[in-house]
Amino acid sequence: MYDALIIGGGAAGLSCALVLGSAGQKDFTKDKITGIITHQKASHLQSALFNNVLGLNPGTTGKSILENGKNQLAELYPRIEQIDNEKVTAVMSKNDYFIITTNKAIYQTKIAVIAVGYTNLFNIHGLESYIKPHPRAKAEKNRIWLENTDHLVRKGLYVAGTLAGWRSQFAIACGSGSHVATDILTLWNNGEHTKVHDKL
């Protein structure tokens, strides 16, 4: 049983995992089991080129960020389990947890974070009732979002990145994933507002 399982290894999913991982030495996270299903094939980062992102060298490719992000997570926060080469097909609620089905396995988690793309090709069974037309994309593009309030779809179910209703900008997606992570940390910290900063 995971305490939190992130679905999607793009900007939002990896950012969420990094922030959760960085809090690993806090008393309220030491016993938490966290994972990320790092499916990246459908990520818009695969074809992205960045010249306008603070902190990234102009010419940085999205493809390199996807690979480097997984490496960064593994090296800095190995407690976050990375599940590679699996694609989620269903997210079903059961009592106070979720059953996550992939093309290869079945997982259980108390908190699920959906951080996949916002195309109308979205086909994760169990989430259909939350799908609505995207509020910040051109109608002719047929983009979708999972209806939510401040990233929370329902108790225990979060959405991050473009699928949360945000515009398709790398920095926005990263911030959305980090936002969800701090909300989860706050929940684990008995409601005390929580963020994680590294300092020199």
N, C-alpha and C. Protein backbone atom coordinates (compact mmCIF):
# COMPACT_ATOMS: atom_id res chain seq x y z
N MET A 1 0.85 -1.19 0.00
CA MET A 1 0.00 0.00 0.00
C MET A 1 0.89 1.25 0.00
N TYR A 2 0.75 2.06 -1.05
CA TYR A 2 1.47 3.33 -1.09
C TYR A 2 0.69 4.38 -0.28
N ASP A 3 1.42 5.31 0.28
CA ASP A 3 0.77 6.47 0.88
C ASP A 3 0.44 7.49 -0.20
N ALA A 4 1.29 7.58 -1.22
CA ALA A 4 1.02 8.44 -2.38
C ALA A 4 1.64 7.80 -3.61
N LEU A 5 0.88 7.78 -4.69
CA LEU A 5 1.37 7.24 -5.96
C LEU A 5 1.06 8.26 -7.05
N ILE A 6 2.11 8.71 -7.72
CA ILE A 6 2.00 9.72 -8.79
C ILE A 6 1.94 8.99 -10.12
N ILE A 7 1.02 9.40 -10.95
CA ILE A 7 0.85 8.80 -12.27
C ILE A 7 1.28 9.81 -13.33
N GLY A 8 2.40 9.54 -13.97
CA GLY A 8 2.92 10.43 -15.01
C GLY A 8 4.30 10.94 -14.68
N GLY A 9 5.23 10.78 -15.62
CA GLY A 9 6.62 11.18 -15.40
C GLY A 9 7.04 12.40 -16.18
N GLY A 10 6.10 13.33 -16.42
CA GLY A 10 6.43 14.58 -17.10
C GLY A 10 6.78 15.67 -16.10
N ALA A 11 6.62 16.92 -16.51
CA ALA A 11 7.02 18.05 -15.68
C ALA A 11 6.30 18.07 -14.34
N ALA A 12 4.98 17.91 -14.36
CA ALA A 12 4.21 17.99 -13.12
C ALA A 12 4.48 16.79 -12.22
N GLY A 13 4.48 15.59 -12.78
CA GLY A 13 4.68 14.39 -11.99
C GLY A 13 6.05 14.34 -11.34
N LEU A 14 7.10 14.62 -12.12
CA LEU A 14 8.45 14.58 -11.57
C LEU A 14 8.66 15.69 -10.55
N SER A 15 8.09 16.88 -10.78
CA SER A 15 8.21 17.96 -9.80
C SER A 15 7.55 17.59 -8.49
N CYS A 16 6.39 16.97 -8.58
CA CYS A 16 5.69 16.51 -7.39
C CYS A 16 6.54 15.51 -6.63
N ALA A 17 7.12 14.55 -7.34
CA ALA A 17 7.94 13.52 -6.72
C ALA A 17 9.19 14.11 -6.07
N LEU A 18 9.82 15.08 -6.72
CA LEU A 18 11.03 15.70 -6.18
C LEU A 18 10.74 16.42 -4.87
N VAL A 19 9.63 17.14 -4.81
CA VAL A 19 9.30 17.86 -3.58
C VAL A 19 8.95 16.88 -2.46
N LEU A 20 8.18 15.85 -2.78
CA LEU A 20 7.87 14.84 -1.76
C LEU A 20 9.15 14.15 -1.29
N GLY A 21 10.03 13.86 -2.23
CA GLY A 21 11.29 13.21 -1.87
C GLY A 21 12.16 14.08 -0.99
N SER A 22 12.16 15.38 -1.24
CA SER A 22 13.01 16.29 -0.48
C SER A 22 12.58 16.43 0.97
N ALA A 23 11.36 16.00 1.27
CA ALA A 23 10.86 16.05 2.65
C ALA A 23 11.04 14.72 3.37
N GLY A 24 11.84 13.84 2.80
CA GLY A 24 11.94 12.48 3.31
C GLY A 24 12.48 12.33 4.71
N GLN A 25 13.19 13.35 5.23
CA GLN A 25 13.75 13.26 6.57
C GLN A 25 12.86 13.90 7.63
N LYS A 26 11.74 14.43 7.22
CA LYS A 26 10.81 15.01 8.20
C LYS A 26 10.18 13.88 9.01
N ASP A 27 9.89 14.16 10.26
CA ASP A 27 9.29 13.14 11.13
C ASP A 27 7.98 12.59 10.56
N PHE A 28 7.19 13.47 9.93
CA PHE A 28 5.87 13.06 9.46
C PHE A 28 5.92 12.36 8.10
N THR A 29 7.11 12.23 7.50
CA THR A 29 7.21 11.52 6.21
C THR A 29 8.05 10.25 6.29
N LYS A 30 8.72 10.04 7.39
CA LYS A 30 9.68 8.93 7.47
C LYS A 30 9.06 7.56 7.20
N ASP A 31 7.80 7.40 7.56
CA ASP A 31 7.16 6.10 7.35
C ASP A 31 6.27 6.06 6.11
N LYS A 32 6.33 7.10 5.29
CA LYS A 32 5.48 7.16 4.10
C LYS A 32 6.13 6.43 2.93
N ILE A 33 5.33 5.69 2.21
CA ILE A 33 5.79 4.98 1.01
C ILE A 33 5.23 5.69 -0.21
N THR A 34 6.13 6.20 -1.02
CA THR A 34 5.72 7.01 -2.18
C THR A 34 6.31 6.44 -3.46
N GLY A 35 5.53 6.48 -4.54
CA GLY A 35 6.01 5.99 -5.82
C GLY A 35 5.54 6.87 -6.96
N ILE A 36 6.15 6.67 -8.11
CA ILE A 36 5.75 7.39 -9.32
C ILE A 36 5.83 6.43 -10.50
N ILE A 37 4.75 6.38 -11.25
CA ILE A 37 4.72 5.61 -12.49
C ILE A 37 5.19 6.55 -13.58
N THR A 38 6.42 6.34 -14.06
CA THR A 38 7.10 7.33 -14.88
C THR A 38 6.87 7.15 -16.38
N HIS A 39 5.65 6.88 -16.75
CA HIS A 39 5.32 6.77 -18.17
C HIS A 39 5.52 8.14 -18.83
N GLN A 40 6.32 8.19 -19.91
CA GLN A 40 6.66 9.47 -20.53
C GLN A 40 6.38 9.53 -22.03
N LYS A 41 5.94 8.45 -22.63
CA LYS A 41 5.82 8.41 -24.09
C LYS A 41 4.88 9.47 -24.63
N ALA A 42 3.82 9.78 -23.89
CA ALA A 42 2.83 10.75 -24.38
C ALA A 42 3.12 12.18 -23.91
N SER A 43 4.22 12.39 -23.19
CA SER A 43 4.53 13.72 -22.66
C SER A 43 4.83 14.70 -23.79
N HIS A 44 4.27 15.91 -23.65
CA HIS A 44 4.56 16.96 -24.63
C HIS A 44 6.02 17.41 -24.55
N LEU A 45 6.71 17.04 -23.49
CA LEU A 45 8.13 17.39 -23.38
C LEU A 45 8.98 16.66 -24.42
N GLN A 46 8.47 15.56 -24.96
CA GLN A 46 9.24 14.79 -25.93
C GLN A 46 9.70 15.65 -27.12
N SER A 47 8.90 16.65 -27.47
CA SER A 47 9.24 17.49 -28.63
C SER A 47 9.50 18.95 -28.25
N ALA A 48 9.67 19.21 -26.97
CA ALA A 48 9.80 20.60 -26.51
C ALA A 48 11.25 21.11 -26.59
N LEU A 49 11.36 22.41 -26.84
CA LEU A 49 12.64 23.11 -26.81
C LEU A 49 12.46 24.35 -25.95
N PHE A 50 13.38 24.57 -25.00
CA PHE A 50 13.20 25.66 -24.04
C PHE A 50 14.25 26.75 -24.19
N ASN A 51 13.75 27.96 -24.45
CA ASN A 51 14.59 29.15 -24.46
C ASN A 51 14.08 30.19 -23.46
N ASN A 52 12.91 29.97 -22.89
CA ASN A 52 12.26 31.01 -22.07
C ASN A 52 11.97 30.57 -20.64
N VAL A 53 12.76 29.61 -20.12
CA VAL A 53 12.52 29.11 -18.77
C VAL A 53 13.68 29.51 -17.87
N LEU A 54 13.36 30.20 -16.79
CA LEU A 54 14.36 30.64 -15.84
C LEU A 54 15.15 29.45 -15.30
N GLY A 55 16.48 29.54 -15.37
CA GLY A 55 17.34 28.49 -14.81
C GLY A 55 17.73 27.41 -15.79
N LEU A 56 17.08 27.35 -16.95
CA LEU A 56 17.46 26.37 -17.96
C LEU A 56 18.28 27.06 -19.05
N ASN A 57 19.35 26.42 -19.46
CA ASN A 57 20.14 26.98 -20.56
C ASN A 57 19.31 26.99 -21.83
N PRO A 58 19.31 28.12 -22.58
CA PRO A 58 18.59 28.15 -23.85
C PRO A 58 19.02 26.98 -24.74
N GLY A 59 18.04 26.36 -25.38
CA GLY A 59 18.32 25.21 -26.22
C GLY A 59 18.14 23.88 -25.51
N THR A 60 17.80 23.92 -24.21
CA THR A 60 17.53 22.68 -23.48
C THR A 60 16.31 21.98 -24.08
N THR A 61 16.41 20.70 -24.27
CA THR A 61 15.29 19.96 -24.86
C THR A 61 14.44 19.31 -23.76
N GLY A 62 13.18 19.17 -24.06
CA GLY A 62 12.29 18.49 -23.14
C GLY A 62 12.68 17.03 -22.96
N LYS A 63 13.15 16.41 -24.02
CA LYS A 63 13.55 15.01 -23.94
C LYS A 63 14.67 14.81 -22.93
N SER A 64 15.62 15.75 -22.89
CA SER A 64 16.72 15.64 -21.92
C SER A 64 16.21 15.86 -20.50
N ILE A 65 15.22 16.73 -20.33
CA ILE A 65 14.65 16.96 -19.01
C ILE A 65 13.95 15.72 -18.49
N LEU A 66 13.23 15.02 -19.36
CA LEU A 66 12.56 13.80 -18.95
C LEU A 66 13.55 12.77 -18.40
N GLU A 67 14.64 12.56 -19.12
CA GLU A 67 15.63 11.57 -18.69
C GLU A 67 16.39 12.04 -17.47
N ASN A 68 16.84 13.30 -17.50
CA ASN A 68 17.60 13.84 -16.37
C ASN A 68 16.74 13.93 -15.11
N GLY A 69 15.45 14.20 -15.28
CA GLY A 69 14.56 14.29 -14.13
C GLY A 69 14.44 12.97 -13.39
N LYS A 70 14.34 11.88 -14.13
CA LYS A 70 14.28 10.56 -13.50
C LYS A 70 15.59 10.25 -12.78
N ASN A 71 16.71 10.63 -13.41
CA ASN A 71 18.01 10.40 -12.79
C ASN A 71 18.18 11.23 -11.52
N GLN A 72 17.75 12.49 -11.59
CA GLN A 72 17.83 13.37 -10.42
C GLN A 72 17.03 12.80 -9.26
N LEU A 73 15.83 12.34 -9.54
CA LEU A 73 14.98 11.76 -8.50
C LEU A 73 15.62 10.51 -7.91
N ALA A 74 16.18 9.66 -8.75
CA ALA A 74 16.80 8.41 -8.27
C ALA A 74 18.04 8.68 -7.43
N GLU A 75 18.84 9.66 -7.84
CA GLU A 75 20.08 9.95 -7.13
C GLU A 75 19.84 10.67 -5.80
N LEU A 76 18.94 11.64 -5.80
CA LEU A 76 18.72 12.44 -4.60
C LEU A 76 17.75 11.79 -3.62
N TYR A 77 16.70 11.17 -4.15
CA TYR A 77 15.63 10.65 -3.29
C TYR A 77 15.24 9.23 -3.70
N PRO A 78 16.14 8.28 -3.47
CA PRO A 78 15.87 6.90 -3.89
C PRO A 78 14.70 6.25 -3.16
N ARG A 79 14.23 6.87 -2.08
CA ARG A 79 13.06 6.32 -1.38
C ARG A 79 11.79 6.42 -2.23
N ILE A 80 11.78 7.34 -3.18
CA ILE A 80 10.64 7.44 -4.10
C ILE A 80 10.79 6.33 -5.15
N GLU A 81 9.92 5.36 -5.10
CA GLU A 81 10.02 4.22 -6.02
C GLU A 81 9.57 4.62 -7.42
N GLN A 82 10.44 4.40 -8.39
CA GLN A 82 10.09 4.67 -9.78
C GLN A 82 9.64 3.38 -10.45
N ILE A 83 8.47 3.44 -11.04
CA ILE A 83 7.91 2.30 -11.75
C ILE A 83 7.95 2.63 -13.24
N ASP A 84 8.84 1.97 -13.96
CA ASP A 84 9.06 2.28 -15.37
C ASP A 84 8.30 1.31 -16.27
N ASN A 85 8.10 1.75 -17.51
CA ASN A 85 7.55 0.90 -18.57
C ASN A 85 6.19 0.31 -18.25
N GLU A 86 5.38 1.10 -17.54
CA GLU A 86 4.00 0.70 -17.28
C GLU A 86 3.08 1.87 -17.59
N LYS A 87 1.92 1.57 -18.12
CA LYS A 87 0.94 2.58 -18.45
C LYS A 87 -0.34 2.32 -17.67
N VAL A 88 -0.84 3.35 -17.01
CA VAL A 88 -2.03 3.20 -16.18
C VAL A 88 -3.26 3.09 -17.06
N THR A 89 -4.10 2.11 -16.76
CA THR A 89 -5.33 1.90 -17.52
C THR A 89 -6.59 2.18 -16.69
N ALA A 90 -6.45 2.15 -15.34
CA ALA A 90 -7.63 2.39 -14.51
C ALA A 90 -7.23 2.92 -13.14
N VAL A 91 -8.07 3.81 -12.61
CA VAL A 91 -7.96 4.32 -11.24
C VAL A 91 -9.33 4.18 -10.61
N MET A 92 -9.46 3.26 -9.68
CA MET A 92 -10.75 2.99 -9.06
C MET A 92 -10.67 3.22 -7.56
N SER A 93 -11.70 3.85 -7.01
CA SER A 93 -11.72 4.08 -5.57
C SER A 93 -12.34 2.87 -4.86
N LYS A 94 -11.80 2.58 -3.70
CA LYS A 94 -12.33 1.48 -2.88
C LYS A 94 -12.16 1.87 -1.42
N ASN A 95 -13.27 2.08 -0.74
CA ASN A 95 -13.23 2.52 0.65
C ASN A 95 -12.40 3.80 0.77
N ASP A 96 -11.28 3.76 1.49
CA ASP A 96 -10.48 4.97 1.68
C ASP A 96 -9.15 4.90 0.94
N TYR A 97 -9.10 4.13 -0.16
CA TYR A 97 -7.88 4.07 -0.96
C TYR A 97 -8.25 3.86 -2.43
N PHE A 98 -7.23 3.83 -3.28
CA PHE A 98 -7.43 3.69 -4.72
C PHE A 98 -6.69 2.46 -5.23
N ILE A 99 -7.29 1.81 -6.21
CA ILE A 99 -6.65 0.70 -6.89
C ILE A 99 -6.21 1.20 -8.26
N ILE A 100 -4.90 1.14 -8.50
CA ILE A 100 -4.32 1.62 -9.74
C ILE A 100 -3.92 0.41 -10.58
N THR A 101 -4.52 0.29 -11.75
CA THR A 101 -4.22 -0.83 -12.64
C THR A 101 -3.38 -0.34 -13.82
N THR A 102 -2.30 -1.05 -14.11
CA THR A 102 -1.48 -0.74 -15.28
C THR A 102 -1.56 -1.90 -16.26
N ASN A 103 -0.84 -1.78 -17.35
CA ASN A 103 -0.80 -2.87 -18.31
C ASN A 103 0.00 -4.07 -17.80
N LYS A 104 0.64 -3.92 -16.61
CA LYS A 104 1.45 -5.01 -16.09
C LYS A 104 1.16 -5.40 -14.65
N ALA A 105 0.55 -4.52 -13.87
CA ALA A 105 0.41 -4.79 -12.44
C ALA A 105 -0.77 -4.02 -11.84
N ILE A 106 -1.03 -4.29 -10.56
CA ILE A 106 -2.07 -3.59 -9.81
C ILE A 106 -1.45 -3.06 -8.53
N TYR A 107 -1.73 -1.79 -8.21
CA TYR A 107 -1.18 -1.14 -7.02
C TYR A 107 -2.32 -0.58 -6.18
N GLN A 108 -2.03 -0.36 -4.90
CA GLN A 108 -2.97 0.28 -4.00
C GLN A 108 -2.31 1.51 -3.40
N THR A 109 -3.08 2.58 -3.27
CA THR A 109 -2.52 3.81 -2.70
C THR A 109 -3.59 4.61 -1.96
N LYS A 110 -3.18 5.27 -0.91
CA LYS A 110 -4.10 6.11 -0.15
C LYS A 110 -4.35 7.43 -0.87
N ILE A 111 -3.32 7.93 -1.57
CA ILE A 111 -3.43 9.18 -2.33
C ILE A 111 -2.96 8.90 -3.75
N ALA A 112 -3.72 9.35 -4.74
CA ALA A 112 -3.32 9.24 -6.14
C ALA A 112 -3.19 10.63 -6.74
N VAL A 113 -2.12 10.85 -7.49
CA VAL A 113 -1.89 12.12 -8.19
C VAL A 113 -1.87 11.82 -9.68
N ILE A 114 -2.81 12.38 -10.42
CA ILE A 114 -2.87 12.18 -11.87
C ILE A 114 -2.13 13.33 -12.54
N ALA A 115 -1.02 13.03 -13.19
CA ALA A 115 -0.19 14.07 -13.79
C ALA A 115 0.20 13.68 -15.21
N VAL A 116 -0.80 13.39 -16.01
CA VAL A 116 -0.58 13.03 -17.41
C VAL A 116 -1.10 14.17 -18.30
N GLY A 117 -0.91 14.04 -19.60
CA GLY A 117 -1.27 15.11 -20.52
C GLY A 117 -2.76 15.38 -20.62
N TYR A 118 -3.10 16.47 -21.31
CA TYR A 118 -4.49 16.95 -21.34
C TYR A 118 -5.17 16.75 -22.68
N THR A 119 -4.72 15.74 -23.44
CA THR A 119 -5.35 15.50 -24.73
C THR A 119 -6.64 14.70 -24.56
N ASN A 120 -7.48 14.77 -25.58
CA ASN A 120 -8.75 14.04 -25.52
C ASN A 120 -8.55 12.54 -25.76
N LEU A 121 -7.30 12.10 -25.88
CA LEU A 121 -7.00 10.68 -25.99
C LEU A 121 -6.89 10.03 -24.61
N PHE A 122 -7.10 10.82 -23.58
CA PHE A 122 -7.08 10.35 -22.19
C PHE A 122 -8.00 9.14 -22.05
N ASN A 123 -7.47 8.04 -21.54
CA ASN A 123 -8.28 6.82 -21.47
C ASN A 123 -8.02 6.02 -20.20
N ILE A 124 -7.97 6.70 -19.06
CA ILE A 124 -7.83 6.02 -17.78
C ILE A 124 -9.23 5.76 -17.22
N HIS A 125 -9.61 4.50 -17.18
CA HIS A 125 -10.93 4.11 -16.72
C HIS A 125 -11.11 4.47 -15.24
N GLY A 126 -12.29 4.94 -14.91
CA GLY A 126 -12.60 5.30 -13.54
C GLY A 126 -12.59 6.79 -13.28
N LEU A 127 -12.08 7.57 -14.24
CA LEU A 127 -12.00 9.02 -14.07
C LEU A 127 -12.93 9.77 -15.04
N GLU A 128 -13.72 9.03 -15.78
CA GLU A 128 -14.54 9.64 -16.84
C GLU A 128 -15.46 10.74 -16.32
N SER A 129 -16.00 10.56 -15.13
CA SER A 129 -17.00 11.51 -14.63
C SER A 129 -16.40 12.88 -14.30
N TYR A 130 -15.06 12.95 -14.22
CA TYR A 130 -14.41 14.22 -13.88
C TYR A 130 -13.93 14.98 -15.12
N ILE A 131 -14.02 14.36 -16.30
CA ILE A 131 -13.48 14.97 -17.52
C ILE A 131 -14.41 16.07 -18.03
N LYS A 132 -13.82 17.24 -18.29
CA LYS A 132 -14.54 18.38 -18.83
C LYS A 132 -13.66 19.06 -19.88
N PRO A 133 -14.24 19.89 -20.75
CA PRO A 133 -13.42 20.65 -21.71
C PRO A 133 -12.45 21.56 -20.97
N HIS A 134 -11.24 21.65 -21.46
CA HIS A 134 -10.19 22.42 -20.80
C HIS A 134 -10.54 23.92 -20.80
N PRO A 135 -10.45 24.58 -19.64
CA PRO A 135 -10.85 25.99 -19.56
C PRO A 135 -9.82 26.98 -20.10
N ARG A 136 -8.59 26.53 -20.37
CA ARG A 136 -7.54 27.45 -20.80
C ARG A 136 -6.85 26.97 -22.08
N ALA A 137 -7.59 26.36 -22.96
CA ALA A 137 -7.05 25.92 -24.24
C ALA A 137 -8.07 26.23 -25.33
N LYS A 138 -7.60 26.38 -26.55
CA LYS A 138 -8.49 26.65 -27.67
C LYS A 138 -9.46 25.49 -27.85
N ALA A 139 -10.73 25.82 -28.04
CA ALA A 139 -11.77 24.79 -28.13
C ALA A 139 -11.50 23.79 -29.25
N GLU A 140 -10.95 24.27 -30.37
CA GLU A 140 -10.73 23.38 -31.50
C GLU A 140 -9.65 22.33 -31.24
N LYS A 141 -8.86 22.50 -30.19
CA LYS A 141 -7.82 21.52 -29.86
C LYS A 141 -8.37 20.35 -29.05
N ASN A 142 -9.61 20.47 -28.58
CA ASN A 142 -10.25 19.38 -27.84
C ASN A 142 -9.45 18.91 -26.62
N ARG A 143 -8.85 19.87 -25.92
CA ARG A 143 -8.13 19.54 -24.70
C ARG A 143 -9.12 19.32 -23.55
N ILE A 144 -8.69 18.56 -22.56
CA ILE A 144 -9.57 18.26 -21.42
C ILE A 144 -8.88 18.60 -20.11
N TRP A 145 -9.67 18.61 -19.05
CA TRP A 145 -9.11 18.68 -17.70
C TRP A 145 -9.93 17.77 -16.80
N LEU A 146 -9.38 17.42 -15.64
CA LEU A 146 -10.15 16.75 -14.61
C LEU A 146 -10.65 17.84 -13.68
N GLU A 147 -11.95 17.99 -13.62
CA GLU A 147 -12.53 19.07 -12.82
C GLU A 147 -12.05 18.94 -11.37
N ASN A 148 -11.57 20.06 -10.84
CA ASN A 148 -10.98 20.03 -9.50
C ASN A 148 -11.11 21.38 -8.85
N THR A 149 -10.90 21.40 -7.55
CA THR A 149 -10.80 22.65 -6.80
C THR A 149 -9.42 22.70 -6.19
N ASP A 150 -8.59 23.62 -6.68
CA ASP A 150 -7.22 23.78 -6.16
C ASP A 150 -6.46 22.45 -6.21
N HIS A 151 -6.56 21.75 -7.33
CA HIS A 151 -5.88 20.49 -7.61
C HIS A 151 -6.54 19.26 -7.00
N LEU A 152 -7.52 19.44 -6.15
CA LEU A 152 -8.16 18.31 -5.50
C LEU A 152 -9.43 17.93 -6.26
N VAL A 153 -9.45 16.72 -6.81
CA VAL A 153 -10.60 16.22 -7.55
C VAL A 153 -11.66 15.70 -6.57
N ARG A 154 -11.20 14.92 -5.64
CA ARG A 154 -12.02 14.41 -4.54
C ARG A 154 -11.05 13.98 -3.45
N LYS A 155 -11.54 13.61 -2.30
CA LYS A 155 -10.65 13.23 -1.21
C LYS A 155 -9.66 12.16 -1.65
N GLY A 156 -8.38 12.47 -1.49
CA GLY A 156 -7.33 11.53 -1.83
C GLY A 156 -6.92 11.50 -3.28
N LEU A 157 -7.64 12.21 -4.14
CA LEU A 157 -7.36 12.20 -5.58
C LEU A 157 -7.00 13.60 -6.05
N TYR A 158 -5.75 13.76 -6.48
CA TYR A 158 -5.25 15.05 -6.95
C TYR A 158 -4.95 14.97 -8.45
N VAL A 159 -4.94 16.14 -9.07
CA VAL A 159 -4.52 16.25 -10.46
C VAL A 159 -3.52 17.39 -10.57
N ALA A 160 -2.52 17.24 -11.43
CA ALA A 160 -1.47 18.25 -11.56
C ALA A 160 -1.12 18.50 -13.01
N GLY A 161 -0.63 19.71 -13.28
CA GLY A 161 -0.18 20.07 -14.62
C GLY A 161 -1.32 20.51 -15.52
N THR A 162 -1.15 20.30 -16.82
CA THR A 162 -2.15 20.76 -17.78
C THR A 162 -3.50 20.09 -17.56
N LEU A 163 -3.50 18.86 -17.08
CA LEU A 163 -4.75 18.14 -16.84
C LEU A 163 -5.52 18.74 -15.66
N ALA A 164 -4.84 19.59 -14.87
CA ALA A 164 -5.51 20.27 -13.76
C ALA A 164 -6.18 21.57 -14.21
N GLY A 165 -6.05 21.87 -15.51
CA GLY A 165 -6.68 23.08 -16.04
C GLY A 165 -5.72 24.21 -16.32
N TRP A 166 -4.42 23.96 -16.18
CA TRP A 166 -3.43 25.01 -16.40
C TRP A 166 -2.97 25.04 -17.86
N ARG A 167 -2.42 26.19 -18.25
CA ARG A 167 -1.90 26.32 -19.61
C ARG A 167 -0.66 25.48 -19.80
N SER A 168 -0.39 25.15 -21.04
CA SER A 168 0.72 24.27 -21.37
C SER A 168 2.02 25.07 -21.42
N GLN A 169 2.55 25.39 -20.25
CA GLN A 169 3.85 26.02 -20.10
C GLN A 169 4.63 25.18 -19.09
N PHE A 170 5.88 24.89 -19.42
CA PHE A 170 6.70 24.02 -18.58
C PHE A 170 6.76 24.52 -17.13
N ALA A 171 7.03 25.80 -16.95
CA ALA A 171 7.16 26.34 -15.59
C ALA A 171 5.85 26.22 -14.81
N ILE A 172 4.72 26.39 -15.51
CA ILE A 172 3.42 26.28 -14.84
C ILE A 172 3.18 24.83 -14.42
N ALA A 173 3.48 23.89 -15.29
CA ALA A 173 3.28 22.48 -14.96
C ALA A 173 4.15 22.06 -13.78
N CYS A 174 5.41 22.51 -13.77
CA CYS A 174 6.30 22.20 -12.65
C CYS A 174 5.73 22.77 -11.35
N GLY A 175 5.27 24.02 -11.40
CA GLY A 175 4.70 24.64 -10.21
C GLY A 175 3.46 23.93 -9.72
N SER A 176 2.63 23.47 -10.65
CA SER A 176 1.43 22.75 -10.29
C SER A 176 1.76 21.45 -9.55
N GLY A 177 2.74 20.70 -10.06
CA GLY A 177 3.16 19.48 -9.39
C GLY A 177 3.73 19.74 -8.01
N SER A 178 4.51 20.81 -7.88
CA SER A 178 5.07 21.18 -6.58
C SER A 178 3.98 21.60 -5.61
N HIS A 179 2.99 22.30 -6.13
CA HIS A 179 1.84 22.72 -5.31
C HIS A 179 1.15 21.50 -4.71
N VAL A 180 0.88 20.51 -5.54
CA VAL A 180 0.22 19.29 -5.06
C VAL A 180 1.08 18.61 -3.99
N ALA A 181 2.39 18.56 -4.22
CA ALA A 181 3.28 17.93 -3.23
C ALA A 181 3.19 18.62 -1.88
N THR A 182 3.17 19.96 -1.88
CA THR A 182 3.10 20.67 -0.59
C THR A 182 1.74 20.49 0.06
N ASP A 183 0.69 20.32 -0.74
CA ASP A 183 -0.62 20.02 -0.17
C ASP A 183 -0.62 18.65 0.50
N ILE A 184 0.03 17.67 -0.13
CA ILE A 184 0.12 16.34 0.45
C ILE A 184 0.96 16.37 1.73
N LEU A 185 2.07 17.10 1.70
CA LEU A 185 2.90 17.22 2.89
C LEU A 185 2.14 17.89 4.03
N THR A 186 1.35 18.89 3.69
CA THR A 186 0.53 19.57 4.70
C THR A 186 -0.48 18.60 5.31
N LEU A 187 -1.08 17.78 4.47
CA LEU A 187 -2.02 16.76 4.95
C LEU A 187 -1.32 15.79 5.90
N TRP A 188 -0.14 15.31 5.51
CA TRP A 188 0.62 14.38 6.34
C TRP A 188 1.09 15.03 7.64
N ASN A 189 1.25 16.36 7.61
CA ASN A 189 1.74 17.11 8.78
C ASN A 189 0.56 17.63 9.61
N ASN A 190 -0.54 16.86 9.60
CA ASN A 190 -1.72 17.19 10.42
C ASN A 190 -2.28 18.57 10.15
N GLY A 191 -2.21 19.01 8.87
CA GLY A 191 -2.81 20.27 8.48
C GLY A 191 -1.93 21.49 8.68
N GLU A 192 -0.74 21.30 9.19
CA GLU A 192 0.18 22.44 9.35
C GLU A 192 0.84 22.74 8.01
N HIS A 193 0.66 23.97 7.52
CA HIS A 193 1.17 24.32 6.20
C HIS A 193 2.66 24.01 6.10
N THR A 194 3.01 23.29 5.03
CA THR A 194 4.35 22.73 4.92
C THR A 194 4.92 23.00 3.54
N LYS A 195 6.19 23.40 3.52
CA LYS A 195 6.97 23.52 2.29
C LYS A 195 8.39 23.07 2.61
N VAL A 196 9.17 22.80 1.58
CA VAL A 196 10.52 22.29 1.78
C VAL A 196 11.49 23.15 1.00
N HIS A 197 12.45 23.75 1.71
CA HIS A 197 13.47 24.55 1.06
C HIS A 197 14.85 23.99 1.40
N ASP A 198 15.71 23.89 0.39
CA ASP A 198 17.11 23.59 0.65
C ASP A 198 17.85 24.90 0.82
N LYS A 199 18.82 24.96 1.74
CA LYS A 199 19.55 26.20 1.99
C LYS A 199 21.04 25.92 2.01
N LEU A 200 21.81 26.94 1.65
CA LEU A 200 23.26 26.84 1.72
C LEU A 200 23.72 26.84 3.16
